[in-house]
């Protein structure tokens, strides 16, 4: 027998299905990756709504999104390439000695 969510707060809660995660909420993870994140405690656990239906409470997703870093990634500038490969000088010296 499957136990279905039945608390009073769950009756008023909005739930998000897997399909809606990427389409409406910008969470593009695969099902397997989500399972791994949930197992490691890095993503909210889904709720069982029926025998074959799971979904995430919208409030739990909002809290998870709020906990994510908000700073934009700033790539570091790399020095301009010199056109020479590493070790090229050593190889040219070895060739001269032969």
N, C-alpha and C. Protein backbone atom coordinates (compact mmCIF):
# COMPACT_ATOMS: atom_id res chain seq x y z
N UNK A 1 0.83 -1.18 0.00
CA UNK A 1 0.00 0.00 0.00
C UNK A 1 0.87 1.24 0.00
N UNK A 2 0.54 2.22 -0.79
CA UNK A 2 1.30 3.46 -0.91
C UNK A 2 0.68 4.52 -0.02
N UNK A 3 1.53 5.13 0.79
CA UNK A 3 1.02 6.19 1.66
C UNK A 3 1.14 7.52 0.93
N UNK A 4 0.02 8.19 0.82
CA UNK A 4 -0.05 9.45 0.08
C UNK A 4 0.01 10.61 1.06
N UNK A 5 0.64 11.70 0.66
CA UNK A 5 0.74 12.91 1.47
C UNK A 5 -0.66 13.40 1.81
N UNK A 6 -0.97 13.59 3.11
CA UNK A 6 -2.32 13.97 3.47
C UNK A 6 -2.42 15.06 4.53
N UNK A 7 -1.35 15.73 4.87
CA UNK A 7 -1.41 16.76 5.90
C UNK A 7 -2.15 17.99 5.38
N UNK A 8 -2.58 18.82 6.30
CA UNK A 8 -3.34 20.02 5.93
C UNK A 8 -2.49 20.99 5.12
N UNK A 9 -1.20 21.10 5.45
CA UNK A 9 -0.34 22.01 4.70
C UNK A 9 -0.11 21.50 3.28
N UNK A 10 -0.08 20.19 3.11
CA UNK A 10 0.12 19.62 1.78
C UNK A 10 -1.08 19.87 0.89
N UNK A 11 -2.26 20.00 1.48
CA UNK A 11 -3.45 20.25 0.68
C UNK A 11 -3.39 21.61 0.00
N UNK A 12 -2.72 22.56 0.61
CA UNK A 12 -2.61 23.91 0.04
C UNK A 12 -1.31 24.13 -0.71
N UNK A 13 -0.42 23.18 -0.66
CA UNK A 13 0.90 23.31 -1.30
C UNK A 13 0.80 23.11 -2.80
N UNK A 14 1.60 23.87 -3.54
CA UNK A 14 1.70 23.71 -4.99
C UNK A 14 2.87 22.77 -5.26
N UNK A 15 2.65 21.78 -6.10
CA UNK A 15 3.69 20.80 -6.40
C UNK A 15 4.15 20.95 -7.85
N UNK A 16 5.41 20.62 -8.08
CA UNK A 16 6.04 20.74 -9.39
C UNK A 16 6.50 19.36 -9.83
N UNK A 17 6.05 18.93 -10.99
CA UNK A 17 6.45 17.63 -11.52
C UNK A 17 7.84 17.72 -12.15
N UNK A 18 8.40 16.56 -12.49
CA UNK A 18 9.72 16.54 -13.11
C UNK A 18 9.75 17.34 -14.41
N UNK A 19 8.73 17.19 -15.24
CA UNK A 19 8.68 17.90 -16.51
C UNK A 19 8.66 19.41 -16.29
N UNK A 20 7.95 19.85 -15.28
CA UNK A 20 7.86 21.29 -15.00
C UNK A 20 9.15 21.86 -14.44
N UNK A 21 10.01 21.02 -13.87
CA UNK A 21 11.27 21.52 -13.30
C UNK A 21 12.07 22.31 -14.33
N UNK A 22 12.26 21.73 -15.52
CA UNK A 22 13.06 22.42 -16.52
C UNK A 22 12.23 23.41 -17.33
N UNK A 23 11.01 23.03 -17.66
CA UNK A 23 10.20 23.88 -18.52
C UNK A 23 9.79 25.19 -17.86
N UNK A 24 9.46 25.15 -16.57
CA UNK A 24 8.93 26.34 -15.92
C UNK A 24 9.82 26.90 -14.83
N UNK A 25 10.77 26.12 -14.34
CA UNK A 25 11.56 26.57 -13.20
C UNK A 25 13.06 26.60 -13.44
N UNK A 26 13.49 26.28 -14.65
CA UNK A 26 14.90 26.41 -15.01
C UNK A 26 15.83 25.44 -14.30
N UNK A 27 15.35 24.26 -13.95
CA UNK A 27 16.18 23.25 -13.30
C UNK A 27 16.34 22.11 -14.30
N UNK A 28 17.44 22.09 -15.07
CA UNK A 28 17.57 21.17 -16.20
C UNK A 28 18.20 19.81 -15.88
N UNK A 29 18.20 19.40 -14.62
CA UNK A 29 18.88 18.16 -14.24
C UNK A 29 18.14 16.93 -14.73
N UNK A 30 18.89 15.88 -15.03
CA UNK A 30 18.28 14.61 -15.41
C UNK A 30 17.70 13.94 -14.16
N UNK A 31 16.86 12.94 -14.37
CA UNK A 31 16.26 12.23 -13.24
C UNK A 31 17.34 11.56 -12.38
N UNK A 32 18.32 10.98 -13.04
CA UNK A 32 19.40 10.32 -12.31
C UNK A 32 20.20 11.32 -11.47
N UNK A 33 20.52 12.45 -12.06
CA UNK A 33 21.28 13.46 -11.33
C UNK A 33 20.48 13.98 -10.14
N UNK A 34 19.18 14.17 -10.34
CA UNK A 34 18.33 14.60 -9.23
C UNK A 34 18.33 13.58 -8.10
N UNK A 35 18.23 12.29 -8.45
CA UNK A 35 18.28 11.24 -7.41
C UNK A 35 19.59 11.30 -6.64
N UNK A 36 20.69 11.50 -7.36
CA UNK A 36 22.00 11.58 -6.70
C UNK A 36 22.07 12.80 -5.78
N UNK A 37 21.57 13.94 -6.25
CA UNK A 37 21.58 15.15 -5.42
C UNK A 37 20.71 14.98 -4.18
N UNK A 38 19.54 14.37 -4.34
CA UNK A 38 18.65 14.13 -3.21
C UNK A 38 19.32 13.19 -2.21
N UNK A 39 19.96 12.14 -2.70
CA UNK A 39 20.64 11.17 -1.82
C UNK A 39 21.76 11.83 -1.03
N UNK A 40 22.43 12.82 -1.64
CA UNK A 40 23.53 13.52 -0.96
C UNK A 40 23.05 14.71 -0.16
N UNK A 41 21.73 14.96 -0.16
CA UNK A 41 21.18 16.07 0.61
C UNK A 41 21.39 17.42 -0.02
N UNK A 42 21.63 17.46 -1.34
CA UNK A 42 21.91 18.72 -2.02
C UNK A 42 20.72 19.26 -2.81
N UNK A 43 19.60 18.54 -2.78
CA UNK A 43 18.39 18.97 -3.48
C UNK A 43 17.21 18.46 -2.67
N UNK A 44 16.11 19.21 -2.63
CA UNK A 44 14.96 18.76 -1.83
C UNK A 44 14.41 17.41 -2.32
N UNK A 45 13.96 16.62 -1.39
CA UNK A 45 13.38 15.32 -1.74
C UNK A 45 11.97 15.52 -2.30
N UNK A 46 11.61 14.72 -3.30
CA UNK A 46 10.24 14.82 -3.83
C UNK A 46 9.25 14.16 -2.88
N UNK A 47 8.01 14.48 -3.07
CA UNK A 47 6.93 13.88 -2.28
C UNK A 47 6.17 12.88 -3.15
N UNK A 48 5.70 11.84 -2.56
CA UNK A 48 4.91 10.84 -3.25
C UNK A 48 3.46 11.31 -3.22
N UNK A 49 2.91 11.64 -4.38
CA UNK A 49 1.53 12.13 -4.46
C UNK A 49 0.54 11.04 -4.82
N UNK A 50 1.01 9.97 -5.39
CA UNK A 50 0.16 8.85 -5.78
C UNK A 50 1.02 7.63 -6.00
N UNK A 51 0.43 6.57 -6.48
CA UNK A 51 1.17 5.33 -6.68
C UNK A 51 2.34 5.50 -7.63
N UNK A 52 2.21 6.32 -8.66
CA UNK A 52 3.26 6.52 -9.65
C UNK A 52 3.58 7.99 -9.89
N UNK A 53 3.30 8.82 -8.92
CA UNK A 53 3.50 10.26 -9.12
C UNK A 53 4.31 10.86 -7.99
N UNK A 54 5.43 11.49 -8.37
CA UNK A 54 6.20 12.26 -7.39
C UNK A 54 6.28 13.68 -7.89
N UNK A 55 6.44 14.60 -6.96
CA UNK A 55 6.58 16.02 -7.30
C UNK A 55 7.27 16.72 -6.14
N UNK A 56 7.78 17.90 -6.42
CA UNK A 56 8.48 18.68 -5.42
C UNK A 56 7.60 19.83 -4.96
N UNK A 57 7.57 20.10 -3.67
CA UNK A 57 6.83 21.27 -3.20
C UNK A 57 7.49 22.53 -3.74
N UNK A 58 6.69 23.44 -4.24
CA UNK A 58 7.21 24.69 -4.80
C UNK A 58 7.99 25.47 -3.75
N UNK A 59 7.53 25.42 -2.50
CA UNK A 59 8.23 26.14 -1.43
C UNK A 59 9.63 25.57 -1.20
N UNK A 60 9.79 24.25 -1.32
CA UNK A 60 11.10 23.62 -1.13
C UNK A 60 12.04 24.00 -2.28
N UNK A 61 11.50 24.08 -3.51
CA UNK A 61 12.32 24.49 -4.65
C UNK A 61 12.73 25.95 -4.52
N UNK A 62 11.81 26.80 -4.06
CA UNK A 62 12.14 28.22 -3.87
C UNK A 62 13.23 28.38 -2.82
N UNK A 63 13.15 27.62 -1.73
CA UNK A 63 14.19 27.68 -0.69
C UNK A 63 15.52 27.19 -1.23
N UNK A 64 15.50 26.13 -2.05
CA UNK A 64 16.74 25.61 -2.64
C UNK A 64 17.36 26.65 -3.57
N UNK A 65 16.53 27.28 -4.42
CA UNK A 65 17.04 28.31 -5.33
C UNK A 65 17.62 29.48 -4.55
N UNK A 66 16.98 29.87 -3.46
CA UNK A 66 17.48 30.99 -2.65
C UNK A 66 18.82 30.65 -2.00
N UNK A 67 19.09 29.37 -1.77
CA UNK A 67 20.34 28.97 -1.12
C UNK A 67 21.51 28.87 -2.10
N UNK A 68 21.23 28.96 -3.39
CA UNK A 68 22.27 28.83 -4.40
C UNK A 68 23.10 30.11 -4.49
N UNK A 69 24.37 30.02 -4.87
CA UNK A 69 25.19 31.22 -5.03
C UNK A 69 24.59 32.15 -6.09
N UNK A 70 24.71 33.45 -5.84
CA UNK A 70 24.14 34.41 -6.77
C UNK A 70 25.21 35.20 -7.53
N UNK A 71 26.46 35.10 -7.13
CA UNK A 71 27.52 35.84 -7.80
C UNK A 71 27.80 35.25 -9.17
N UNK A 72 27.98 36.11 -10.14
CA UNK A 72 28.27 35.67 -11.50
C UNK A 72 29.71 35.18 -11.59
N UNK A 73 29.94 34.19 -12.43
CA UNK A 73 31.28 33.65 -12.65
C UNK A 73 32.11 34.68 -13.41
N UNK A 74 33.29 34.96 -12.92
CA UNK A 74 34.21 35.89 -13.57
C UNK A 74 35.45 35.13 -14.00
N UNK A 75 35.56 34.78 -15.28
CA UNK A 75 36.76 34.05 -15.71
C UNK A 75 37.99 34.92 -15.58
N UNK A 76 39.10 34.30 -15.22
CA UNK A 76 40.36 35.03 -15.10
C UNK A 76 40.99 35.18 -16.47
N UNK A 77 41.63 36.32 -16.67
CA UNK A 77 42.30 36.57 -17.95
C UNK A 77 43.55 35.69 -18.05
N UNK A 78 43.76 35.12 -19.20
CA UNK A 78 44.95 34.30 -19.44
C UNK A 78 45.96 35.14 -20.21
N UNK A 79 47.26 34.92 -19.96
CA UNK A 79 48.27 35.66 -20.71
C UNK A 79 48.20 35.32 -22.19
N UNK A 80 48.60 36.25 -23.01
CA UNK A 80 48.61 36.03 -24.46
C UNK A 80 49.58 34.91 -24.82
N UNK A 81 49.19 34.02 -25.69
CA UNK A 81 50.10 32.94 -26.09
C UNK A 81 51.30 33.51 -26.86
N UNK A 82 52.46 32.89 -26.65
CA UNK A 82 53.68 33.36 -27.30
C UNK A 82 53.90 32.68 -28.64
N UNK A 83 53.13 31.67 -28.92
CA UNK A 83 53.31 30.93 -30.16
C UNK A 83 54.25 29.76 -30.02
N UNK A 84 54.94 29.67 -28.90
CA UNK A 84 55.86 28.57 -28.67
C UNK A 84 55.23 27.59 -27.69
N UNK A 85 55.44 26.33 -27.94
CA UNK A 85 54.94 25.31 -27.03
C UNK A 85 55.92 25.10 -25.90
N UNK A 86 55.41 24.60 -24.79
CA UNK A 86 56.29 24.28 -23.67
C UNK A 86 57.27 23.20 -24.10
N UNK A 87 58.52 23.38 -23.75
CA UNK A 87 59.52 22.37 -24.05
C UNK A 87 60.09 22.47 -25.45
N UNK A 88 59.64 23.42 -26.25
CA UNK A 88 60.12 23.55 -27.63
C UNK A 88 61.60 23.92 -27.63
N UNK A 89 62.03 24.78 -26.71
CA UNK A 89 63.43 25.19 -26.66
C UNK A 89 64.32 24.00 -26.31
N UNK A 90 63.90 23.19 -25.35
CA UNK A 90 64.68 22.03 -24.95
C UNK A 90 64.82 21.05 -26.11
N UNK A 91 63.72 20.83 -26.85
CA UNK A 91 63.79 19.89 -27.97
C UNK A 91 64.72 20.42 -29.06
N UNK A 92 64.70 21.73 -29.30
CA UNK A 92 65.56 22.26 -30.36
C UNK A 92 67.03 22.14 -29.94
N UNK A 93 67.34 22.29 -28.67
CA UNK A 93 68.72 22.12 -28.20
C UNK A 93 69.15 20.67 -28.31
N UNK A 94 68.24 19.75 -28.01
CA UNK A 94 68.57 18.33 -28.12
C UNK A 94 68.85 17.97 -29.58
N UNK A 95 68.08 18.53 -30.50
CA UNK A 95 68.28 18.24 -31.93
C UNK A 95 69.62 18.80 -32.42
N UNK A 96 70.05 19.94 -31.89
CA UNK A 96 71.33 20.54 -32.31
C UNK A 96 72.50 19.69 -31.82
N UNK A 97 72.35 19.03 -30.69
CA UNK A 97 73.47 18.26 -30.14
C UNK A 97 73.65 16.95 -30.88
N UNK A 98 72.67 16.49 -31.62
CA UNK A 98 72.80 15.23 -32.32
C UNK A 98 73.62 15.35 -33.54
